[in-house]
Amino acid sequence: MWYEIIPSAAVIVVALSLPHISAYGINKLLLGNYYKRSLMERDNRFHYLRDRQLTFSPYKVNGLEVIPD
């Protein structure tokens, strides 16, 4: 029957989601934040510096309210 695939589908979903979920914990342990930002490209460096200037932390979620008028 169709419900016999549920255990094997659950194993596959968990196995495929573990690397993505564990990346947050690994980044927190190694870098001190949950999100790894790459500064290799020019645009990413500008966004990093802009976020650091506006909120004094490049890892905070920024919205339009932090941009001065």
PDB file of N, CA and C in Angstrom:
ATOM      1  N   MET A   1       0.837  -1.189   0.000  1.00  0.00           N
ATOM      2  CA  MET A   1       0.000   0.000   0.000  1.00  0.00           C
ATOM      3  C   MET A   1       0.883   1.253   0.000  1.00  0.00           C
ATOM      4  N   TRP A   2       0.248   2.398  -0.172  1.00  0.00           N
ATOM      5  CA  TRP A   2       0.985   3.646  -0.323  1.00  0.00           C
ATOM      6  C   TRP A   2       1.677   4.069   0.971  1.00  0.00           C
ATOM      7  N   TYR A   3       1.140   3.690   2.111  1.00  0.00           N
ATOM      8  CA  TYR A   3       1.697   4.136   3.394  1.00  0.00           C
ATOM      9  C   TYR A   3       2.986   3.395   3.758  1.00  0.00           C
ATOM     10  N   GLU A   4       3.360   2.407   3.004  1.00  0.00           N
ATOM     11  CA  GLU A   4       4.593   1.681   3.284  1.00  0.00           C
ATOM     12  C   GLU A   4       5.843   2.482   2.914  1.00  0.00           C
ATOM     13  N   ILE A   5       5.685   3.534   2.122  1.00  0.00           N
ATOM     14  CA  ILE A   5       6.843   4.341   1.757  1.00  0.00           C
ATOM     15  C   ILE A   5       7.136   5.439   2.782  1.00  0.00           C
ATOM     16  N   ILE A   6       6.269   5.644   3.738  1.00  0.00           N
ATOM     17  CA  ILE A   6       6.451   6.738   4.710  1.00  0.00           C
ATOM     18  C   ILE A   6       7.751   6.595   5.502  1.00  0.00           C
ATOM     19  N   PRO A   7       8.102   5.428   6.069  1.00  0.00           N
ATOM     20  CA  PRO A   7       9.364   5.344   6.821  1.00  0.00           C
ATOM     21  C   PRO A   7      10.599   5.632   5.957  1.00  0.00           C
ATOM     22  N   SER A   8      10.658   5.065   4.765  1.00  0.00           N
ATOM     23  CA  SER A   8      11.837   5.307   3.934  1.00  0.00           C
ATOM     24  C   SER A   8      11.860   6.748   3.428  1.00  0.00           C
ATOM     25  N   ALA A   9      10.704   7.355   3.160  1.00  0.00           N
ATOM     26  CA  ALA A   9      10.677   8.764   2.750  1.00  0.00           C
ATOM     27  C   ALA A   9      11.129   9.662   3.893  1.00  0.00           C
ATOM     28  N   ALA A  10      10.754   9.321   5.120  1.00  0.00           N
ATOM     29  CA  ALA A  10      11.180  10.108   6.279  1.00  0.00           C
ATOM     30  C   ALA A  10      12.691  10.021   6.471  1.00  0.00           C
ATOM     31  N   VAL A  11      13.267   8.853   6.267  1.00  0.00           N
ATOM     32  CA  VAL A  11      14.724   8.690   6.387  1.00  0.00           C
ATOM     33  C   VAL A  11      15.436   9.541   5.341  1.00  0.00           C
ATOM     34  N   ILE A  12      14.939   9.561   4.130  1.00  0.00           N
ATOM     35  CA  ILE A  12      15.566  10.342   3.066  1.00  0.00           C
ATOM     36  C   ILE A  12      15.475  11.830   3.356  1.00  0.00           C
ATOM     37  N   VAL A  13      14.313  12.293   3.820  1.00  0.00           N
ATOM     38  CA  VAL A  13      14.142  13.718   4.123  1.00  0.00           C
ATOM     39  C   VAL A  13      15.073  14.140   5.255  1.00  0.00           C
ATOM     40  N   VAL A  14      15.180  13.338   6.282  1.00  0.00           N
ATOM     41  CA  VAL A  14      16.064  13.668   7.409  1.00  0.00           C
ATOM     42  C   VAL A  14      17.520  13.653   6.959  1.00  0.00           C
ATOM     43  N   ALA A  15      17.898  12.665   6.154  1.00  0.00           N
ATOM     44  CA  ALA A  15      19.286  12.582   5.693  1.00  0.00           C
ATOM     45  C   ALA A  15      19.662  13.768   4.801  1.00  0.00           C
ATOM     46  N   LEU A  16      18.736  14.243   3.998  1.00  0.00           N
ATOM     47  CA  LEU A  16      19.040  15.371   3.129  1.00  0.00           C
ATOM     48  C   LEU A  16      18.997  16.711   3.863  1.00  0.00           C
ATOM     49  N   SER A  17      18.285  16.792   4.965  1.00  0.00           N
ATOM     50  CA  SER A  17      18.196  18.068   5.684  1.00  0.00           C
ATOM     51  C   SER A  17      19.261  18.226   6.770  1.00  0.00           C
ATOM     52  N   LEU A  18      19.919  17.173   7.176  1.00  0.00           N
ATOM     53  CA  LEU A  18      20.937  17.273   8.233  1.00  0.00           C
ATOM     54  C   LEU A  18      22.106  18.194   7.875  1.00  0.00           C
ATOM     55  N   PRO A  19      22.697  18.123   6.692  1.00  0.00           N
ATOM     56  CA  PRO A  19      23.808  19.043   6.400  1.00  0.00           C
ATOM     57  C   PRO A  19      23.387  20.510   6.431  1.00  0.00           C
ATOM     58  N   HIS A  20      22.192  20.790   5.941  1.00  0.00           N
ATOM     59  CA  HIS A  20      21.725  22.174   5.917  1.00  0.00           C
ATOM     60  C   HIS A  20      21.478  22.696   7.331  1.00  0.00           C
ATOM     61  N   ILE A  21      20.875  21.889   8.160  1.00  0.00           N
ATOM     62  CA  ILE A  21      20.566  22.309   9.528  1.00  0.00           C
ATOM     63  C   ILE A  21      21.842  22.376  10.374  1.00  0.00           C
ATOM     64  N   SER A  22      22.745  21.428  10.193  1.00  0.00           N
ATOM     65  CA  SER A  22      23.964  21.417  11.008  1.00  0.00           C
ATOM     66  C   SER A  22      24.902  22.570  10.658  1.00  0.00           C
ATOM     67  N   ALA A  23      24.751  23.166   9.478  1.00  0.00           N
ATOM     68  CA  ALA A  23      25.612  24.291   9.100  1.00  0.00           C
ATOM     69  C   ALA A  23      25.422  25.468  10.049  1.00  0.00           C
ATOM     70  N   TYR A  24      24.202  25.683  10.529  1.00  0.00           N
ATOM     71  CA  TYR A  24      23.969  26.773  11.475  1.00  0.00           C
ATOM     72  C   TYR A  24      24.752  26.553  12.774  1.00  0.00           C
ATOM     73  N   GLY A  25      24.720  25.333  13.293  1.00  0.00           N
ATOM     74  CA  GLY A  25      25.458  25.043  14.519  1.00  0.00           C
ATOM     75  C   GLY A  25      26.959  25.122  14.336  1.00  0.00           C
ATOM     76  N   ILE A  26      27.446  24.640  13.216  1.00  0.00           N
ATOM     77  CA  ILE A  26      28.888  24.685  12.949  1.00  0.00           C
ATOM     78  C   ILE A  26      29.351  26.126  12.801  1.00  0.00           C
ATOM     79  N   ASN A  27      28.589  26.947  12.079  1.00  0.00           N
ATOM     80  CA  ASN A  27      28.959  28.358  11.940  1.00  0.00           C
ATOM     81  C   ASN A  27      28.918  29.069  13.285  1.00  0.00           C
ATOM     82  N   LYS A  28      27.971  28.734  14.142  1.00  0.00           N
ATOM     83  CA  LYS A  28      27.900  29.359  15.465  1.00  0.00           C
ATOM     84  C   LYS A  28      29.127  28.991  16.298  1.00  0.00           C
ATOM     85  N   LEU A  29      29.552  27.756  16.223  1.00  0.00           N
ATOM     86  CA  LEU A  29      30.719  27.331  16.994  1.00  0.00           C
ATOM     87  C   LEU A  29      32.015  27.935  16.454  1.00  0.00           C
ATOM     88  N   LEU A  30      32.184  27.933  15.140  1.00  0.00           N
ATOM     89  CA  LEU A  30      33.450  28.367  14.554  1.00  0.00           C
ATOM     90  C   LEU A  30      33.538  29.874  14.361  1.00  0.00           C
ATOM     91  N   LEU A  31      32.445  30.510  13.935  1.00  0.00           N
ATOM     92  CA  LEU A  31      32.483  31.923  13.583  1.00  0.00           C
ATOM     93  C   LEU A  31      31.834  32.836  14.613  1.00  0.00           C
ATOM     94  N   GLY A  32      31.005  32.283  15.477  1.00  0.00           N
ATOM     95  CA  GLY A  32      30.317  33.106  16.467  1.00  0.00           C
ATOM     96  C   GLY A  32      29.003  33.674  15.965  1.00  0.00           C
ATOM     97  N   ASN A  33      28.584  33.312  14.771  1.00  0.00           N
ATOM     98  CA  ASN A  33      27.286  33.743  14.262  1.00  0.00           C
ATOM     99  C   ASN A  33      26.669  32.579  13.492  1.00  0.00           C
ATOM    100  N   TYR A  34      25.388  32.701  13.185  1.00  0.00           N
ATOM    101  CA  TYR A  34      24.698  31.597  12.540  1.00  0.00           C
ATOM    102  C   TYR A  34      24.869  31.585  11.025  1.00  0.00           C
ATOM    103  N   TYR A  35      25.206  32.731  10.454  1.00  0.00           N
ATOM    104  CA  TYR A  35      25.258  32.816   8.996  1.00  0.00           C
ATOM    105  C   TYR A  35      26.678  33.119   8.550  1.00  0.00           C
ATOM    106  N   LYS A  36      27.148  32.355   7.616  1.00  0.00           N
ATOM    107  CA  LYS A  36      28.481  32.583   7.063  1.00  0.00           C
ATOM    108  C   LYS A  36      28.345  33.513   5.872  1.00  0.00           C
ATOM    109  N   ARG A  37      29.059  34.593   5.882  1.00  0.00           N
ATOM    110  CA  ARG A  37      29.048  35.518   4.761  1.00  0.00           C
ATOM    111  C   ARG A  37      30.397  35.471   4.070  1.00  0.00           C
ATOM    112  N   SER A  38      30.365  35.330   2.778  1.00  0.00           N
ATOM    113  CA  SER A  38      31.577  35.305   1.990  1.00  0.00           C
ATOM    114  C   SER A  38      31.885  36.719   1.519  1.00  0.00           C
ATOM    115  N   LEU A  39      33.103  37.155   1.717  1.00  0.00           N
ATOM    116  CA  LEU A  39      33.506  38.494   1.307  1.00  0.00           C
ATOM    117  C   LEU A  39      34.414  38.445   0.087  1.00  0.00           C
ATOM    118  N   MET A  40      34.314  37.380  -0.674  1.00  0.00           N
ATOM    119  CA  MET A  40      35.189  37.213  -1.831  1.00  0.00           C
ATOM    120  C   MET A  40      34.770  38.099  -3.004  1.00  0.00           C
ATOM    121  N   GLU A  41      33.487  38.377  -3.139  1.00  0.00           N
ATOM    122  CA  GLU A  41      33.013  39.193  -4.248  1.00  0.00           C
ATOM    123  C   GLU A  41      32.823  40.632  -3.795  1.00  0.00           C
ATOM    124  N   ARG A  42      32.942  41.545  -4.718  1.00  0.00           N
ATOM    125  CA  ARG A  42      32.903  42.976  -4.410  1.00  0.00           C
ATOM    126  C   ARG A  42      31.546  43.407  -3.859  1.00  0.00           C
ATOM    127  N   ASP A  43      30.466  42.928  -4.449  1.00  0.00           N
ATOM    128  CA  ASP A  43      29.130  43.298  -3.986  1.00  0.00           C
ATOM    129  C   ASP A  43      28.874  42.828  -2.558  1.00  0.00           C
ATOM    130  N   ASN A  44      29.311  41.619  -2.251  1.00  0.00           N
ATOM    131  CA  ASN A  44      29.121  41.104  -0.902  1.00  0.00           C
ATOM    132  C   ASN A  44      29.907  41.913   0.122  1.00  0.00           C
ATOM    133  N   ARG A  45      31.109  42.380  -0.249  1.00  0.00           N
ATOM    134  CA  ARG A  45      31.883  43.228   0.670  1.00  0.00           C
ATOM    135  C   ARG A  45      31.170  44.535   0.929  1.00  0.00           C
ATOM    136  N   PHE A  46      30.608  45.140  -0.115  1.00  0.00           N
ATOM    137  CA  PHE A  46      29.872  46.398   0.065  1.00  0.00           C
ATOM    138  C   PHE A  46      28.647  46.209   0.942  1.00  0.00           C
ATOM    139  N   HIS A  47      27.925  45.104   0.756  1.00  0.00           N
ATOM    140  CA  HIS A  47      26.752  44.846   1.595  1.00  0.00           C
ATOM    141  C   HIS A  47      27.158  44.613   3.050  1.00  0.00           C
ATOM    142  N   TYR A  48      28.258  43.918   3.258  1.00  0.00           N
ATOM    143  CA  TYR A  48      28.765  43.676   4.609  1.00  0.00           C
ATOM    144  C   TYR A  48      29.113  44.998   5.293  1.00  0.00           C
ATOM    145  N   LEU A  49      29.846  45.852   4.587  1.00  0.00           N
ATOM    146  CA  LEU A  49      30.245  47.139   5.166  1.00  0.00           C
ATOM    147  C   LEU A  49      29.036  48.040   5.401  1.00  0.00           C
ATOM    148  N   ARG A  50      28.060  48.025   4.481  1.00  0.00           N
ATOM    149  CA  ARG A  50      26.855  48.816   4.652  1.00  0.00           C
ATOM    150  C   ARG A  50      26.074  48.362   5.891  1.00  0.00           C
ATOM    151  N   ASP A  51      25.903  47.063   6.063  1.00  0.00           N
ATOM    152  CA  ASP A  51      25.178  46.542   7.217  1.00  0.00           C
ATOM    153  C   ASP A  51      25.915  46.839   8.512  1.00  0.00           C
ATOM    154  N   ARG A  52      27.250  46.755   8.480  1.00  0.00           N
ATOM    155  CA  ARG A  52      28.025  47.054   9.678  1.00  0.00           C
ATOM    156  C   ARG A  52      27.928  48.524  10.050  1.00  0.00           C
ATOM    157  N   GLN A  53      27.857  49.395   9.064  1.00  0.00           N
ATOM    158  CA  GLN A  53      27.754  50.827   9.329  1.00  0.00           C
ATOM    159  C   GLN A  53      26.366  51.200   9.858  1.00  0.00           C
ATOM    160  N   LEU A  54      25.313  50.560   9.344  1.00  0.00           N
ATOM    161  CA  LEU A  54      23.961  50.927   9.735  1.00  0.00           C
ATOM    162  C   LEU A  54      23.565  50.382  11.096  1.00  0.00           C
ATOM    163  N   THR A  55      23.908  49.142  11.393  1.00  0.00           N
ATOM    164  CA  THR A  55      23.433  48.514  12.634  1.00  0.00           C
ATOM    165  C   THR A  55      24.561  48.115  13.574  1.00  0.00           C
ATOM    166  N   PHE A  56      25.801  48.375  13.215  1.00  0.00           N
ATOM    167  CA  PHE A  56      26.985  48.034  14.014  1.00  0.00           C
ATOM    168  C   PHE A  56      27.154  46.530  14.188  1.00  0.00           C
ATOM    169  N   SER A  57      26.375  45.750  13.454  1.00  0.00           N
ATOM    170  CA  SER A  57      26.539  44.310  13.413  1.00  0.00           C
ATOM    171  C   SER A  57      26.068  43.830  12.047  1.00  0.00           C
ATOM    172  N   PRO A  58      26.926  43.246  11.258  1.00  0.00           N
ATOM    173  CA  PRO A  58      26.519  42.838   9.911  1.00  0.00           C
ATOM    174  C   PRO A  58      25.592  41.629   9.905  1.00  0.00           C
ATOM    175  N   TYR A  59      25.355  41.007  11.056  1.00  0.00           N
ATOM    176  CA  TYR A  59      24.561  39.789  11.104  1.00  0.00           C
ATOM    177  C   TYR A  59      23.146  40.027  11.598  1.00  0.00           C
ATOM    178  N   LYS A  60      22.789  41.274  11.921  1.00  0.00           N
ATOM    179  CA  LYS A  60      21.400  41.582  12.270  1.00  0.00           C
ATOM    180  C   LYS A  60      20.581  41.686  11.000  1.00  0.00           C
ATOM    181  N   VAL A  61      19.305  41.358  11.134  1.00  0.00           N
ATOM    182  CA  VAL A  61      18.417  41.493   9.984  1.00  0.00           C
ATOM    183  C   VAL A  61      18.091  42.965   9.822  1.00  0.00           C
ATOM    184  N   ASN A  62      18.363  43.492   8.640  1.00  0.00           N
ATOM    185  CA  ASN A  62      18.153  44.907   8.376  1.00  0.00           C
ATOM    186  C   ASN A  62      16.885  45.110   7.571  1.00  0.00           C
ATOM    187  N   GLY A  63      16.168  46.146   7.919  1.00  0.00           N
ATOM    188  CA  GLY A  63      14.999  46.533   7.153  1.00  0.00           C
ATOM    189  C   GLY A  63      15.115  47.989   6.771  1.00  0.00           C
ATOM    190  N   LEU A  64      14.045  48.529   6.232  1.00  0.00           N
ATOM    191  CA  LEU A  64      14.067  49.920   5.816  1.00  0.00           C
ATOM    192  C   LEU A  64      14.110  50.873   7.004  1.00  0.00           C
ATOM    193  N   GLU A  65      13.732  50.395   8.180  1.00  0.00           N
ATOM    194  CA  GLU A  65      13.706  51.293   9.340  1.00  0.00           C
ATOM    195  C   GLU A  65      15.094  51.688   9.822  1.00  0.00           C
ATOM    196  N   VAL A  66      16.138  50.963   9.442  1.00  0.00           N
ATOM    197  CA  VAL A  66      17.492  51.310   9.898  1.00  0.00           C
ATOM    198  C   VAL A  66      18.189  52.301   8.983  1.00  0.00           C
ATOM    199  N   ILE A  67      17.635  52.564   7.810  1.00  0.00           N
ATOM    200  CA  ILE A  67      18.240  53.492   6.880  1.00  0.00           C
ATOM    201  C   ILE A  67      17.782  54.896   7.236  1.00  0.00           C
ATOM    202  N   PRO A  68      18.713  55.825   7.486  1.00  0.00           N
ATOM    203  CA  PRO A  68      18.309  57.175   7.867  1.00  0.00           C
ATOM    204  C   PRO A  68      17.653  57.901   6.697  1.00  0.00           C
ATOM    205  N   ASP A  69      16.766  58.839   7.033  1.00  0.00           N
ATOM    206  CA  ASP A  69      16.053  59.610   6.011  1.00  0.00           C
ATOM    207  C   ASP A  69      16.917  60.674   5.394  1.00  0.00           C
TER     208      ASP A  69
END
